Amino acid sequence: MDRKEDDDLIDRLVDRLKRGTSGKPPDSAAGEYPKEALPRGTYARSVRFDQLGVITDAFYGELDADKQKIIIYTILLFPFSGSLSRPATKPGKYFITNEYEYEIIAYLMMNPVNLDQFTASLGGELFYED
């Protein structure tokens, strides 16, 4: 996929999200961002995909065995380069996934990403409210 196709795909995805969410994410089961959730923009690694990304949203899922609400994070995964110290040599694909709170590794020692600036650099925007 070349750069133009990547840009077209991002544009279509942004348009689709705008139509589907009317400019903001769906409310969580509690009606707001979970208070005990990690902040938006926190660097996190998906254990399932073994890729680094940033948290863009969180909401409550089902109950666990102890009847506690499980937090599910929406994570924008970065293109895989094989190493954090080596940038990707060719354009990769960003990927959005939902992960259970116990299926991510959060990097709290790093400041969260400013999602407005980050998504502007991608040519789009994420839809969330603080």
Protein backbone atom coordinates (compact mmCIF):
# COMPACT_ATOMS: atom_id res chain seq x y z
CA MET A 1 0.00 0.00 0.00
CA ASP A 2 1.51 3.35 -0.96
CA ARG A 3 1.30 6.65 0.92
CA LYS A 4 -1.74 7.90 -1.04
CA GLU A 5 -3.66 4.70 -0.33
CA ASP A 6 -2.74 5.03 3.37
CA ASP A 7 -3.99 8.62 3.41
CA ASP A 8 -7.22 7.62 1.65
CA LEU A 9 -7.77 4.81 4.15
CA ILE A 10 -7.24 7.18 7.08
CA ASP A 11 -9.67 9.70 5.54
CA ARG A 12 -12.33 7.02 5.06
CA LEU A 13 -11.83 5.76 8.62
CA VAL A 14 -12.14 9.28 10.06
CA ASP A 15 -15.29 9.92 8.00
CA ARG A 16 -16.80 6.63 9.14
CA LEU A 17 -16.05 7.38 12.78
CA LYS A 18 -17.64 10.83 12.47
CA ARG A 19 -20.83 9.35 11.06
CA GLY A 20 -20.92 6.53 13.61
CA THR A 21 -20.24 8.53 16.74
CA SER A 22 -21.50 12.02 15.95
CA GLY A 23 -18.19 13.52 17.03
CA LYS A 24 -17.66 11.71 20.32
CA PRO A 25 -17.22 8.15 21.54
CA PRO A 26 -20.16 6.15 22.85
CA ASP A 27 -20.76 6.56 26.56
CA SER A 28 -19.44 3.82 28.80
CA ALA A 29 -21.81 1.74 30.86
CA ALA A 30 -21.41 4.24 33.71
CA GLY A 31 -21.94 7.19 31.36
CA GLU A 32 -18.38 8.52 31.55
CA TYR A 33 -14.71 7.61 31.36
CA PRO A 34 -13.96 5.16 34.21
CA LYS A 35 -12.39 7.05 37.11
CA GLU A 36 -9.87 4.27 37.85
CA ALA A 37 -8.80 3.93 34.19
CA LEU A 38 -5.40 4.95 32.87
CA PRO A 39 -5.35 8.44 31.30
CA ARG A 40 -5.95 8.87 27.59
CA GLY A 41 -2.64 9.13 25.74
CA THR A 42 -0.84 6.70 28.06
CA TYR A 43 1.66 4.53 26.20
CA ALA A 44 0.57 0.91 26.38
CA ARG A 45 1.63 -2.40 24.85
CA SER A 46 -0.93 -4.91 23.71
CA VAL A 47 0.11 -8.31 25.02
CA ARG A 48 -2.03 -10.02 22.38
CA PHE A 49 -0.41 -8.21 19.43
CA ASP A 50 2.95 -7.42 21.10
CA GLN A 51 2.77 -3.86 19.77
CA LEU A 52 3.13 -0.44 21.33
CA GLY A 53 0.36 2.12 21.13
CA VAL A 54 -1.55 4.77 23.07
CA ILE A 55 -4.79 4.56 25.00
CA THR A 56 -7.52 6.55 23.28
CA ASP A 57 -10.55 5.49 25.31
CA ALA A 58 -11.72 3.24 28.15
CA PHE A 59 -15.05 1.82 29.18
CA TYR A 60 -16.47 -0.82 31.47
CA GLY A 61 -16.95 -4.31 30.10
CA GLU A 62 -18.45 -7.34 31.76
CA LEU A 63 -17.89 -8.45 35.36
CA ASP A 64 -14.97 -10.68 36.36
CA ALA A 65 -15.17 -13.72 38.67
CA ASP A 66 -15.11 -11.39 41.71
CA LYS A 67 -18.06 -9.38 40.32
CA GLN A 68 -15.79 -6.38 39.60
CA LYS A 69 -16.23 -4.35 36.41
CA ILE A 70 -13.45 -5.00 33.91
CA ILE A 71 -12.02 -1.95 32.15
CA ILE A 72 -11.61 -2.30 28.41
CA TYR A 73 -9.14 0.05 26.73
CA THR A 74 -9.26 1.22 23.13
CA ILE A 75 -5.65 1.41 21.95
CA LEU A 76 -4.23 2.89 18.77
CA LEU A 77 -1.30 0.60 17.95
CA PHE A 78 1.69 2.02 16.10
CA PRO A 79 3.16 0.38 12.98
CA PHE A 80 5.51 -2.43 14.01
CA SER A 81 9.21 -1.79 13.38
CA GLY A 82 10.65 -4.74 15.28
CA SER A 83 12.33 -2.47 17.82
CA LEU A 84 11.55 0.66 19.81
CA SER A 85 15.01 2.04 19.04
CA ARG A 86 14.67 1.46 15.31
CA PRO A 87 11.96 3.41 13.48
CA ALA A 88 9.91 1.70 10.80
CA THR A 89 11.78 1.67 7.48
CA LYS A 90 8.60 1.70 5.41
CA PRO A 91 5.14 3.09 6.08
CA GLY A 92 3.18 0.79 8.33
CA LYS A 93 -0.40 0.48 9.34
CA TYR A 94 -1.96 1.88 12.46
CA PHE A 95 -4.39 -0.47 14.14
CA ILE A 96 -7.17 0.15 16.67
CA THR A 97 -8.00 -2.59 19.13
CA ASN A 98 -9.97 -3.09 22.35
CA GLU A 99 -8.01 -4.83 25.10
CA TYR A 100 -8.94 -5.97 28.60
CA GLU A 101 -7.11 -4.13 31.37
CA TYR A 102 -5.09 -7.22 32.23
CA GLU A 103 -3.98 -7.70 28.59
CA ILE A 104 -1.96 -4.49 28.37
CA ILE A 105 1.30 -3.21 29.80
CA ALA A 106 1.07 0.52 30.54
CA TYR A 107 4.19 2.69 30.58
CA LEU A 108 3.44 5.11 33.41
CA MET A 109 6.99 6.46 33.63
CA MET A 110 6.45 8.28 30.33
CA ASN A 111 4.23 11.34 30.00
CA PRO A 112 0.99 10.68 28.11
CA VAL A 113 0.80 11.68 24.46
CA ASN A 114 -1.16 14.80 23.58
CA LEU A 115 -3.81 13.06 21.45
CA ASP A 116 -4.91 16.27 19.73
CA GLN A 117 -1.40 16.94 18.42
CA PHE A 118 -0.73 13.29 17.63
CA THR A 119 -3.86 12.73 15.59
CA ALA A 120 -3.43 16.07 13.81
CA SER A 121 -0.06 14.76 12.61
CA LEU A 122 -1.92 11.74 11.18
CA GLY A 123 -4.28 14.02 9.28
CA GLY A 124 -7.35 13.27 11.38
CA GLU A 125 -8.74 13.53 14.85
CA LEU A 126 -9.95 11.26 17.61
CA PHE A 127 -13.31 11.90 19.16
CA TYR A 128 -13.24 12.20 22.90
CA GLU A 129 -14.23 14.66 25.59
CA ASP A 130 -12.25 15.53 28.70
